[in-house]
Amino acid sequence: MKENMEQYMKRVIVIGGNGSGKTTFSLELAKYLKLPLIHLDRIYWKGNWEHLSNEEFDSAIMNELIKPQWIIDGNYKRTVETRLQYCDTVFYFDFSSIACLYGSITRTIKNHGKKRFDMGGNCADKFDLEFYHNIILFNKKYRKHYYEMLENCKDKEIIIFKNRKQVENYLKKLSENKV
């Protein structure tokens, strides 16, 4: 952790593979820090699994990034570099593909046919083999690029979680004011 924490955790991004627990963590972090929480899926998705154009999405994200405080939950790899320019803290969920797949399938079973609070539009949870396939390939395709982006963030607080136990321990320490 950085020594002068007052300058951190005002503009936070939470990134990583689908099903890793980013949203659950972001909810807890937002409660603790009393920061507004922006779910990128609420911005991106509209209608019945229709989405904004890249230009509309970029504009909507920029409207959030210029605000003084926030937590932004969501991956959307194409926009990570822009968000990194505006944040002061990054939480990267670098979980195994199997852990992410398990998390995603478990979430789908729990919410199948229902619209989740963190989703925009009328997007009910569903089983999607292509989505699960992308989860399995995420680390192979993108992990190296994520670490390269994070290496260039010398002025940011970077916290990397490798598993759910690390996340749980971090939140426990945070609630005990030991972080």
N, C-alpha and C. Protein backbone atom coordinates (compact mmCIF):
# COMPACT_ATOMS: atom_id res chain seq x y z
N MET A 1 0.83 -1.19 0.00
CA MET A 1 0.00 0.00 0.00
C MET A 1 0.87 1.25 0.00
N LYS A 2 0.37 2.27 -0.63
CA LYS A 2 1.07 3.55 -0.63
C LYS A 2 1.00 4.12 0.77
N GLU A 3 2.02 4.90 1.14
CA GLU A 3 2.06 5.44 2.49
C GLU A 3 1.00 6.50 2.72
N ASN A 4 0.70 7.31 1.72
CA ASN A 4 -0.25 8.39 1.87
C ASN A 4 -1.57 8.01 1.23
N MET A 5 -2.38 7.24 1.95
CA MET A 5 -3.61 6.68 1.38
C MET A 5 -4.66 7.74 1.07
N GLU A 6 -4.56 8.93 1.65
CA GLU A 6 -5.56 9.96 1.38
C GLU A 6 -5.64 10.29 -0.11
N GLN A 7 -4.53 10.10 -0.81
CA GLN A 7 -4.54 10.43 -2.24
C GLN A 7 -5.04 9.28 -3.10
N TYR A 8 -5.33 8.15 -2.50
CA TYR A 8 -5.81 7.00 -3.24
C TYR A 8 -7.24 6.64 -2.85
N MET A 9 -7.81 5.77 -3.62
CA MET A 9 -9.16 5.24 -3.43
C MET A 9 -10.23 6.33 -3.49
N LYS A 10 -10.04 7.23 -4.42
CA LYS A 10 -11.08 8.23 -4.76
C LYS A 10 -11.66 7.91 -6.12
N ARG A 11 -10.81 7.35 -6.99
CA ARG A 11 -11.20 6.96 -8.35
C ARG A 11 -10.63 5.56 -8.57
N VAL A 12 -11.50 4.59 -8.48
CA VAL A 12 -11.09 3.18 -8.42
C VAL A 12 -11.67 2.42 -9.61
N ILE A 13 -10.83 1.62 -10.26
CA ILE A 13 -11.36 0.69 -11.26
C ILE A 13 -11.14 -0.74 -10.78
N VAL A 14 -12.11 -1.58 -11.08
CA VAL A 14 -12.06 -2.99 -10.73
C VAL A 14 -12.18 -3.76 -12.04
N ILE A 15 -11.10 -4.47 -12.38
CA ILE A 15 -11.02 -5.17 -13.66
C ILE A 15 -10.65 -6.63 -13.45
N GLY A 16 -10.86 -7.44 -14.47
CA GLY A 16 -10.50 -8.85 -14.41
C GLY A 16 -11.52 -9.67 -15.17
N GLY A 17 -11.32 -10.96 -15.16
CA GLY A 17 -12.16 -11.86 -15.93
C GLY A 17 -13.60 -11.90 -15.46
N ASN A 18 -14.50 -12.21 -16.38
CA ASN A 18 -15.91 -12.40 -16.04
C ASN A 18 -16.04 -13.53 -15.05
N GLY A 19 -16.89 -13.34 -14.06
CA GLY A 19 -17.13 -14.37 -13.07
C GLY A 19 -16.13 -14.39 -11.93
N SER A 20 -15.23 -13.42 -11.89
CA SER A 20 -14.21 -13.40 -10.84
C SER A 20 -14.70 -12.77 -9.54
N GLY A 21 -15.81 -12.08 -9.58
CA GLY A 21 -16.34 -11.47 -8.35
C GLY A 21 -16.13 -9.96 -8.28
N LYS A 22 -15.87 -9.33 -9.41
CA LYS A 22 -15.63 -7.89 -9.44
C LYS A 22 -16.81 -7.10 -8.88
N THR A 23 -18.01 -7.47 -9.27
CA THR A 23 -19.19 -6.73 -8.85
C THR A 23 -19.44 -6.89 -7.35
N THR A 24 -19.34 -8.09 -6.86
CA THR A 24 -19.53 -8.33 -5.43
C THR A 24 -18.52 -7.52 -4.62
N PHE A 25 -17.27 -7.56 -5.04
CA PHE A 25 -16.22 -6.80 -4.37
C PHE A 25 -16.51 -5.30 -4.45
N SER A 26 -16.89 -4.82 -5.63
CA SER A 26 -17.15 -3.39 -5.83
C SER A 26 -18.26 -2.89 -4.92
N LEU A 27 -19.29 -3.70 -4.75
CA LEU A 27 -20.39 -3.32 -3.85
C LEU A 27 -19.89 -3.12 -2.42
N GLU A 28 -19.08 -4.06 -1.96
CA GLU A 28 -18.54 -3.96 -0.60
C GLU A 28 -17.59 -2.76 -0.47
N LEU A 29 -16.75 -2.57 -1.46
CA LEU A 29 -15.81 -1.46 -1.43
C LEU A 29 -16.55 -0.12 -1.45
N ALA A 30 -17.58 -0.02 -2.26
CA ALA A 30 -18.37 1.22 -2.35
C ALA A 30 -19.04 1.54 -1.01
N LYS A 31 -19.54 0.51 -0.35
CA LYS A 31 -20.15 0.72 0.97
C LYS A 31 -19.11 1.26 1.95
N TYR A 32 -17.95 0.64 1.96
CA TYR A 32 -16.92 1.04 2.90
C TYR A 32 -16.39 2.45 2.61
N LEU A 33 -16.08 2.72 1.35
CA LEU A 33 -15.49 4.01 0.99
C LEU A 33 -16.53 5.11 0.79
N LYS A 34 -17.79 4.72 0.72
CA LYS A 34 -18.89 5.68 0.48
C LYS A 34 -18.67 6.45 -0.83
N LEU A 35 -18.33 5.68 -1.86
CA LEU A 35 -18.13 6.24 -3.20
C LEU A 35 -19.24 5.76 -4.12
N PRO A 36 -19.60 6.58 -5.13
CA PRO A 36 -20.58 6.11 -6.11
C PRO A 36 -20.01 4.95 -6.92
N LEU A 37 -20.86 3.98 -7.19
CA LEU A 37 -20.45 2.79 -7.92
C LEU A 37 -21.09 2.79 -9.29
N ILE A 38 -20.26 2.67 -10.32
CA ILE A 38 -20.72 2.63 -11.70
C ILE A 38 -20.45 1.24 -12.24
N HIS A 39 -21.50 0.57 -12.70
CA HIS A 39 -21.37 -0.74 -13.33
C HIS A 39 -21.34 -0.52 -14.84
N LEU A 40 -20.25 -0.87 -15.48
CA LEU A 40 -20.15 -0.66 -16.93
C LEU A 40 -21.22 -1.43 -17.70
N ASP A 41 -21.62 -2.58 -17.18
CA ASP A 41 -22.69 -3.33 -17.85
C ASP A 41 -24.01 -2.57 -17.85
N ARG A 42 -24.24 -1.73 -16.87
CA ARG A 42 -25.47 -0.92 -16.85
C ARG A 42 -25.43 0.16 -17.93
N ILE A 43 -24.24 0.62 -18.24
CA ILE A 43 -24.08 1.64 -19.27
C ILE A 43 -24.13 1.01 -20.66
N TYR A 44 -23.41 -0.09 -20.84
CA TYR A 44 -23.19 -0.70 -22.15
C TYR A 44 -24.44 -1.34 -22.74
N TRP A 45 -25.18 -2.08 -21.90
CA TRP A 45 -26.31 -2.86 -22.40
C TRP A 45 -27.59 -2.07 -22.35
N LYS A 46 -28.39 -2.22 -23.39
CA LYS A 46 -29.72 -1.61 -23.45
C LYS A 46 -30.64 -2.61 -24.15
N GLY A 47 -31.93 -2.38 -24.09
CA GLY A 47 -32.85 -3.28 -24.77
C GLY A 47 -32.66 -4.72 -24.35
N ASN A 48 -32.85 -5.64 -25.29
CA ASN A 48 -32.71 -7.07 -25.05
C ASN A 48 -31.38 -7.54 -25.63
N TRP A 49 -30.32 -7.40 -24.85
CA TRP A 49 -28.96 -7.75 -25.24
C TRP A 49 -28.48 -6.95 -26.45
N GLU A 50 -28.92 -5.71 -26.54
CA GLU A 50 -28.39 -4.76 -27.52
C GLU A 50 -27.43 -3.87 -26.76
N HIS A 51 -26.47 -3.30 -27.45
CA HIS A 51 -25.50 -2.48 -26.73
C HIS A 51 -25.28 -1.15 -27.44
N LEU A 52 -24.68 -0.24 -26.70
CA LEU A 52 -24.33 1.06 -27.26
C LEU A 52 -23.24 0.89 -28.31
N SER A 53 -23.15 1.83 -29.21
CA SER A 53 -22.02 1.85 -30.14
C SER A 53 -20.76 2.20 -29.34
N ASN A 54 -19.59 1.94 -29.91
CA ASN A 54 -18.35 2.29 -29.23
C ASN A 54 -18.31 3.78 -28.89
N GLU A 55 -18.76 4.62 -29.82
CA GLU A 55 -18.73 6.07 -29.59
C GLU A 55 -19.65 6.46 -28.43
N GLU A 56 -20.85 5.89 -28.39
CA GLU A 56 -21.79 6.19 -27.30
C GLU A 56 -21.24 5.69 -25.97
N PHE A 57 -20.68 4.50 -25.98
CA PHE A 57 -20.12 3.91 -24.76
C PHE A 57 -18.94 4.74 -24.26
N ASP A 58 -18.04 5.11 -25.16
CA ASP A 58 -16.89 5.93 -24.77
C ASP A 58 -17.34 7.26 -24.17
N SER A 59 -18.33 7.88 -24.77
CA SER A 59 -18.85 9.15 -24.27
C SER A 59 -19.47 8.98 -22.88
N ALA A 60 -20.23 7.91 -22.70
CA ALA A 60 -20.85 7.64 -21.40
C ALA A 60 -19.80 7.39 -20.33
N ILE A 61 -18.75 6.65 -20.68
CA ILE A 61 -17.68 6.40 -19.72
C ILE A 61 -16.97 7.71 -19.38
N MET A 62 -16.70 8.52 -20.37
CA MET A 62 -16.01 9.79 -20.12
C MET A 62 -16.83 10.67 -19.18
N ASN A 63 -18.15 10.66 -19.32
CA ASN A 63 -19.01 11.43 -18.42
C ASN A 63 -18.82 11.00 -16.97
N GLU A 64 -18.50 9.74 -16.74
CA GLU A 64 -18.24 9.25 -15.39
C GLU A 64 -16.81 9.56 -14.95
N LEU A 65 -15.87 9.39 -15.86
CA LEU A 65 -14.46 9.57 -15.51
C LEU A 65 -14.12 10.98 -15.07
N ILE A 66 -14.84 11.98 -15.56
CA ILE A 66 -14.52 13.37 -15.20
C ILE A 66 -15.07 13.75 -13.83
N LYS A 67 -15.85 12.89 -13.23
CA LYS A 67 -16.37 13.15 -11.88
C LYS A 67 -15.25 12.97 -10.86
N PRO A 68 -15.35 13.63 -9.71
CA PRO A 68 -14.23 13.60 -8.75
C PRO A 68 -14.03 12.28 -8.02
N GLN A 69 -15.09 11.48 -7.86
CA GLN A 69 -14.95 10.24 -7.11
C GLN A 69 -15.85 9.17 -7.72
N TRP A 70 -15.35 7.92 -7.73
CA TRP A 70 -16.13 6.81 -8.24
C TRP A 70 -15.39 5.49 -8.06
N ILE A 71 -16.16 4.45 -8.18
CA ILE A 71 -15.64 3.10 -8.38
C ILE A 71 -16.30 2.62 -9.67
N ILE A 72 -15.49 2.18 -10.61
CA ILE A 72 -16.02 1.66 -11.87
C ILE A 72 -15.72 0.17 -11.94
N ASP A 73 -16.81 -0.59 -11.99
CA ASP A 73 -16.75 -2.05 -12.00
C ASP A 73 -16.99 -2.53 -13.42
N GLY A 74 -16.03 -3.24 -13.98
CA GLY A 74 -16.23 -3.83 -15.29
C GLY A 74 -14.96 -3.90 -16.10
N ASN A 75 -14.94 -4.81 -17.00
CA ASN A 75 -13.73 -5.05 -17.78
C ASN A 75 -13.68 -4.21 -19.05
N TYR A 76 -14.41 -4.61 -20.07
CA TYR A 76 -14.41 -3.91 -21.35
C TYR A 76 -13.00 -3.49 -21.73
N LYS A 77 -12.22 -4.48 -22.09
CA LYS A 77 -10.79 -4.33 -22.36
C LYS A 77 -10.45 -3.12 -23.23
N ARG A 78 -11.28 -2.84 -24.21
CA ARG A 78 -11.00 -1.74 -25.13
C ARG A 78 -10.91 -0.39 -24.41
N THR A 79 -11.57 -0.26 -23.26
CA THR A 79 -11.60 1.02 -22.55
C THR A 79 -10.71 1.07 -21.31
N VAL A 80 -10.02 -0.01 -21.01
CA VAL A 80 -9.22 -0.06 -19.78
C VAL A 80 -8.14 1.03 -19.78
N GLU A 81 -7.42 1.18 -20.88
CA GLU A 81 -6.33 2.18 -20.90
C GLU A 81 -6.84 3.58 -20.62
N THR A 82 -7.99 3.93 -21.14
CA THR A 82 -8.57 5.25 -20.85
C THR A 82 -8.89 5.37 -19.38
N ARG A 83 -9.52 4.36 -18.83
CA ARG A 83 -9.88 4.41 -17.41
C ARG A 83 -8.64 4.47 -16.52
N LEU A 84 -7.57 3.81 -16.95
CA LEU A 84 -6.33 3.85 -16.18
C LEU A 84 -5.77 5.27 -16.09
N GLN A 85 -6.00 6.08 -17.09
CA GLN A 85 -5.51 7.46 -17.08
C GLN A 85 -6.20 8.29 -16.00
N TYR A 86 -7.42 7.94 -15.64
CA TYR A 86 -8.21 8.75 -14.71
C TYR A 86 -8.25 8.21 -13.29
N CYS A 87 -7.93 6.95 -13.10
CA CYS A 87 -8.05 6.35 -11.78
C CYS A 87 -6.82 6.60 -10.93
N ASP A 88 -6.97 6.38 -9.63
CA ASP A 88 -5.81 6.42 -8.73
C ASP A 88 -5.54 5.03 -8.15
N THR A 89 -6.53 4.13 -8.25
CA THR A 89 -6.41 2.79 -7.68
C THR A 89 -6.99 1.77 -8.64
N VAL A 90 -6.29 0.63 -8.76
CA VAL A 90 -6.73 -0.46 -9.62
C VAL A 90 -6.77 -1.74 -8.81
N PHE A 91 -7.89 -2.43 -8.88
CA PHE A 91 -7.99 -3.79 -8.37
C PHE A 91 -8.11 -4.69 -9.58
N TYR A 92 -7.14 -5.59 -9.73
CA TYR A 92 -7.14 -6.52 -10.85
C TYR A 92 -7.37 -7.92 -10.32
N PHE A 93 -8.46 -8.54 -10.76
CA PHE A 93 -8.82 -9.89 -10.37
C PHE A 93 -8.20 -10.84 -11.39
N ASP A 94 -7.03 -11.36 -11.06
CA ASP A 94 -6.29 -12.26 -11.94
C ASP A 94 -6.50 -13.69 -11.47
N PHE A 95 -7.73 -14.16 -11.63
CA PHE A 95 -8.10 -15.50 -11.19
C PHE A 95 -7.87 -16.50 -12.31
N SER A 96 -7.81 -17.77 -11.95
CA SER A 96 -7.70 -18.82 -12.96
C SER A 96 -8.98 -18.83 -13.80
N SER A 97 -8.85 -19.33 -15.00
CA SER A 97 -10.00 -19.44 -15.90
C SER A 97 -11.08 -20.33 -15.29
N ILE A 98 -10.67 -21.39 -14.60
CA ILE A 98 -11.63 -22.31 -13.98
C ILE A 98 -12.41 -21.60 -12.87
N ALA A 99 -11.73 -20.79 -12.05
CA ALA A 99 -12.41 -20.05 -10.99
C ALA A 99 -13.42 -19.07 -11.58
N CYS A 100 -13.05 -18.40 -12.67
CA CYS A 100 -13.96 -17.45 -13.32
C CYS A 100 -15.14 -18.17 -13.95
N LEU A 101 -14.87 -19.29 -14.60
CA LEU A 101 -15.94 -20.07 -15.22
C LEU A 101 -16.92 -20.55 -14.14
N TYR A 102 -16.39 -21.04 -13.05
CA TYR A 102 -17.22 -21.49 -11.94
C TYR A 102 -18.09 -20.34 -11.42
N GLY A 103 -17.47 -19.17 -11.22
CA GLY A 103 -18.21 -18.02 -10.73
C GLY A 103 -19.32 -17.60 -11.68
N SER A 104 -19.02 -17.60 -12.94
CA SER A 104 -20.00 -17.19 -13.94
C SER A 104 -21.16 -18.18 -14.05
N ILE A 105 -20.85 -19.45 -14.09
CA ILE A 105 -21.91 -20.46 -14.19
C ILE A 105 -22.76 -20.46 -12.92
N THR A 106 -22.14 -20.33 -11.77
CA THR A 106 -22.88 -20.26 -10.51
C THR A 106 -23.83 -19.06 -10.52
N ARG A 107 -23.33 -17.91 -10.98
CA ARG A 107 -24.17 -16.70 -11.07
C ARG A 107 -25.33 -16.93 -12.03
N THR A 108 -25.07 -17.57 -13.16
CA THR A 108 -26.13 -17.82 -14.14
C THR A 108 -27.19 -18.75 -13.56
N ILE A 109 -26.79 -19.79 -12.87
CA ILE A 109 -27.75 -20.71 -12.26
C ILE A 109 -28.62 -19.94 -11.26
N LYS A 110 -28.00 -19.11 -10.46
CA LYS A 110 -28.72 -18.34 -9.44
C LYS A 110 -29.69 -17.35 -10.06
N ASN A 111 -29.30 -16.73 -11.17
CA ASN A 111 -30.08 -15.63 -11.75
C ASN A 111 -30.73 -15.96 -13.09
N HIS A 112 -30.71 -17.21 -13.50
CA HIS A 112 -31.21 -17.56 -14.84
C HIS A 112 -32.61 -17.01 -15.08
N GLY A 113 -32.73 -16.30 -16.21
CA GLY A 113 -34.01 -15.73 -16.59
C GLY A 113 -34.35 -14.41 -15.91
N LYS A 114 -33.50 -13.97 -15.00
CA LYS A 114 -33.74 -12.72 -14.26
C LYS A 114 -32.76 -11.65 -14.73
N LYS A 115 -33.20 -10.42 -14.66
CA LYS A 115 -32.32 -9.28 -14.93
C LYS A 115 -31.59 -8.94 -13.64
N ARG A 116 -30.29 -8.84 -13.73
CA ARG A 116 -29.48 -8.49 -12.56
C ARG A 116 -29.43 -6.97 -12.39
N PHE A 117 -29.26 -6.52 -11.15
CA PHE A 117 -29.20 -5.09 -10.84
C PHE A 117 -28.04 -4.39 -11.52
N ASP A 118 -26.98 -5.12 -11.83
CA ASP A 118 -25.78 -4.49 -12.40
C ASP A 118 -25.78 -4.49 -13.92
N MET A 119 -26.88 -4.94 -14.52
CA MET A 119 -26.98 -4.98 -15.98
C MET A 119 -27.95 -3.92 -16.47
N GLY A 120 -27.64 -3.34 -17.61
CA GLY A 120 -28.55 -2.40 -18.23
C GLY A 120 -29.56 -3.12 -19.10
N GLY A 121 -30.48 -2.37 -19.63
CA GLY A 121 -31.47 -2.91 -20.56
C GLY A 121 -32.32 -3.99 -19.93
N ASN A 122 -32.82 -4.87 -20.77
CA ASN A 122 -33.65 -5.98 -20.33
C ASN A 122 -32.88 -7.27 -20.58
N CYS A 123 -31.73 -7.37 -19.99
CA CYS A 123 -30.80 -8.47 -20.26
C CYS A 123 -30.89 -9.51 -19.14
N ALA A 124 -31.73 -10.49 -19.35
CA ALA A 124 -31.88 -11.56 -18.37
C ALA A 124 -30.69 -12.51 -18.48
N ASP A 125 -30.24 -12.99 -17.33
CA ASP A 125 -29.13 -13.95 -17.31
C ASP A 125 -29.52 -15.20 -18.08
N LYS A 126 -28.56 -15.72 -18.83
CA LYS A 126 -28.82 -16.92 -19.64
C LYS A 126 -27.52 -17.71 -19.79
N PHE A 127 -27.67 -18.97 -20.12
CA PHE A 127 -26.51 -19.80 -20.43
C PHE A 127 -26.05 -19.43 -21.83
N ASP A 128 -24.76 -19.19 -21.98
CA ASP A 128 -24.21 -18.72 -23.25
C ASP A 128 -22.85 -19.39 -23.45
N LEU A 129 -22.82 -20.42 -24.27
CA LEU A 129 -21.58 -21.18 -24.46
C LEU A 129 -20.45 -20.32 -25.02
N GLU A 130 -20.75 -19.40 -25.90
CA GLU A 130 -19.70 -18.51 -26.44
C GLU A 130 -19.11 -17.64 -25.33
N PHE A 131 -19.96 -17.13 -24.45
CA PHE A 131 -19.51 -16.34 -23.31
C PHE A 131 -18.58 -17.17 -22.43
N TYR A 132 -18.98 -18.41 -22.13
CA TYR A 132 -18.15 -19.29 -21.29
C TYR A 132 -16.84 -19.63 -21.99
N HIS A 133 -16.89 -19.81 -23.28
CA HIS A 133 -15.66 -20.06 -24.04
C HIS A 133 -14.71 -18.88 -23.92
N ASN A 134 -15.23 -17.66 -24.00
CA ASN A 134 -14.39 -16.46 -23.85
C ASN A 134 -13.79 -16.36 -22.45
N ILE A 135 -14.53 -16.79 -21.45
CA ILE A 135 -13.99 -16.79 -20.09
C ILE A 135 -12.78 -17.72 -20.02
N ILE A 136 -12.90 -18.89 -20.61
CA ILE A 136 -11.81 -19.86 -20.58
C ILE A 136 -10.57 -19.31 -21.28
N LEU A 137 -10.75 -18.55 -22.34
CA LEU A 137 -9.62 -18.00 -23.11
C LEU A 137 -9.09 -16.67 -22.60
N PHE A 138 -9.78 -16.04 -21.67
CA PHE A 138 -9.44 -14.68 -21.24
C PHE A 138 -7.97 -14.54 -20.83
N ASN A 139 -7.52 -15.37 -19.91
CA ASN A 139 -6.14 -15.24 -19.43
C ASN A 139 -5.12 -15.48 -20.54
N LYS A 140 -5.36 -16.48 -21.35
CA LYS A 140 -4.43 -16.79 -22.44
C LYS A 140 -4.33 -15.61 -23.41
N LYS A 141 -5.46 -14.98 -23.69
CA LYS A 141 -5.48 -13.89 -24.66
C LYS A 141 -5.06 -12.54 -24.09
N TYR A 142 -5.38 -12.27 -22.82
CA TYR A 142 -5.27 -10.89 -22.33
C TYR A 142 -4.38 -10.67 -21.11
N ARG A 143 -4.07 -11.70 -20.34
CA ARG A 143 -3.35 -11.50 -19.08
C ARG A 143 -2.05 -10.71 -19.29
N LYS A 144 -1.25 -11.10 -20.26
CA LYS A 144 0.03 -10.42 -20.50
C LYS A 144 -0.19 -8.94 -20.78
N HIS A 145 -1.19 -8.63 -21.60
CA HIS A 145 -1.48 -7.23 -21.92
C HIS A 145 -1.91 -6.44 -20.68
N TYR A 146 -2.72 -7.06 -19.83
CA TYR A 146 -3.15 -6.38 -18.60
C TYR A 146 -1.94 -6.05 -17.72
N TYR A 147 -1.05 -7.02 -17.55
CA TYR A 147 0.13 -6.77 -16.72
C TYR A 147 1.02 -5.69 -17.34
N GLU A 148 1.14 -5.66 -18.65
CA GLU A 148 1.91 -4.60 -19.30
C GLU A 148 1.28 -3.24 -19.05
N MET A 149 -0.03 -3.15 -19.15
CA MET A 149 -0.71 -1.87 -18.87
C MET A 149 -0.48 -1.45 -17.43
N LEU A 150 -0.59 -2.39 -16.50
CA LEU A 150 -0.43 -2.07 -15.08
C LEU A 150 1.00 -1.68 -14.74
N GLU A 151 1.96 -2.29 -15.43
CA GLU A 151 3.37 -1.92 -15.21
C GLU A 151 3.63 -0.45 -15.50
N ASN A 152 2.88 0.12 -16.41
CA ASN A 152 3.05 1.52 -16.79
C ASN A 152 2.30 2.47 -15.87
N CYS A 153 1.70 1.99 -14.84
CA CYS A 153 0.91 2.83 -13.92
C CYS A 153 1.71 3.11 -12.65
N LYS A 154 2.77 3.82 -12.79
CA LYS A 154 3.67 4.07 -11.66
C LYS A 154 3.03 4.91 -10.56
N ASP A 155 2.08 5.77 -10.93
CA ASP A 155 1.46 6.67 -9.95
C ASP A 155 0.13 6.15 -9.42
N LYS A 156 -0.15 4.88 -9.64
CA LYS A 156 -1.41 4.28 -9.21
C LYS A 156 -1.16 3.26 -8.12
N GLU A 157 -2.13 3.07 -7.27
CA GLU A 157 -2.12 1.97 -6.32
C GLU A 157 -2.68 0.77 -7.06
N ILE A 158 -1.90 -0.31 -7.17
CA ILE A 158 -2.32 -1.51 -7.89
C ILE A 158 -2.43 -2.66 -6.88
N ILE A 159 -3.60 -3.25 -6.82
CA ILE A 159 -3.81 -4.40 -5.95
C ILE A 159 -4.29 -5.55 -6.84
N ILE A 160 -3.56 -6.65 -6.78
CA ILE A 160 -3.87 -7.81 -7.62
C ILE A 160 -4.32 -8.95 -6.72
N PHE A 161 -5.48 -9.48 -7.03
CA PHE A 161 -6.00 -10.64 -6.32
C PHE A 161 -5.87 -11.85 -7.22
N LYS A 162 -5.37 -12.95 -6.66
CA LYS A 162 -5.23 -14.20 -7.40
C LYS A 162 -6.33 -15.21 -7.08
N ASN A 163 -7.08 -14.97 -6.01
CA ASN A 163 -8.14 -15.90 -5.63
C ASN A 163 -9.14 -15.22 -4.70
N ARG A 164 -10.25 -15.89 -4.47
CA ARG A 164 -11.33 -15.32 -3.67
C ARG A 164 -10.93 -15.15 -2.20
N LYS A 165 -10.06 -15.99 -1.71
CA LYS A 165 -9.62 -15.88 -0.31
C LYS A 165 -8.86 -14.56 -0.12
N GLN A 166 -8.03 -14.17 -1.07
CA GLN A 166 -7.32 -12.89 -0.97
C GLN A 166 -8.31 -11.73 -0.94
N VAL A 167 -9.36 -11.81 -1.75
CA VAL A 167 -10.39 -10.76 -1.77
C VAL A 167 -11.08 -10.70 -0.41
N GLU A 168 -11.46 -11.85 0.10
CA GLU A 168 -12.12 -11.93 1.40
C GLU A 168 -11.24 -11.33 2.49
N ASN A 169 -9.97 -11.69 2.51
CA ASN A 169 -9.04 -11.17 3.52
C ASN A 169 -8.86 -9.65 3.39
N TYR A 170 -8.80 -9.16 2.16
CA TYR A 170 -8.65 -7.72 1.94
C TYR A 170 -9.87 -6.97 2.50
N LEU A 171 -11.06 -7.45 2.18
CA LEU A 171 -12.28 -6.79 2.67
C LEU A 171 -12.37 -6.85 4.19
N LYS A 172 -11.94 -7.95 4.76
CA LYS A 172 -11.94 -8.08 6.23
C LYS A 172 -10.99 -7.05 6.83
N LYS A 173 -9.79 -6.96 6.29
CA LYS A 173 -8.81 -5.97 6.80
C LYS A 173 -9.32 -4.55 6.60
N LEU A 174 -9.94 -4.31 5.48
CA LEU A 174 -10.49 -2.97 5.19
C LEU A 174 -11.54 -2.61 6.23
N SER A 175 -12.43 -3.55 6.54
CA SER A 175 -13.48 -3.28 7.52
C SER A 175 -12.91 -3.09 8.93
N GLU A 176 -11.74 -3.66 9.16
CA GLU A 176 -11.08 -3.51 10.47
C GLU A 176 -10.12 -2.31 10.46
N ASN A 177 -10.14 -1.55 9.34
CA ASN A 177 -9.27 -0.39 9.16
C ASN A 177 -7.78 -0.75 9.26
N LYS A 178 -7.42 -1.91 8.74
CA LYS A 178 -6.03 -2.36 8.77
C LYS A 178 -5.38 -2.30 7.40
N VAL A 179 -6.08 -1.74 6.41
CA VAL A 179 -5.52 -1.63 5.06
C VAL A 179 -4.99 -0.23 4.87
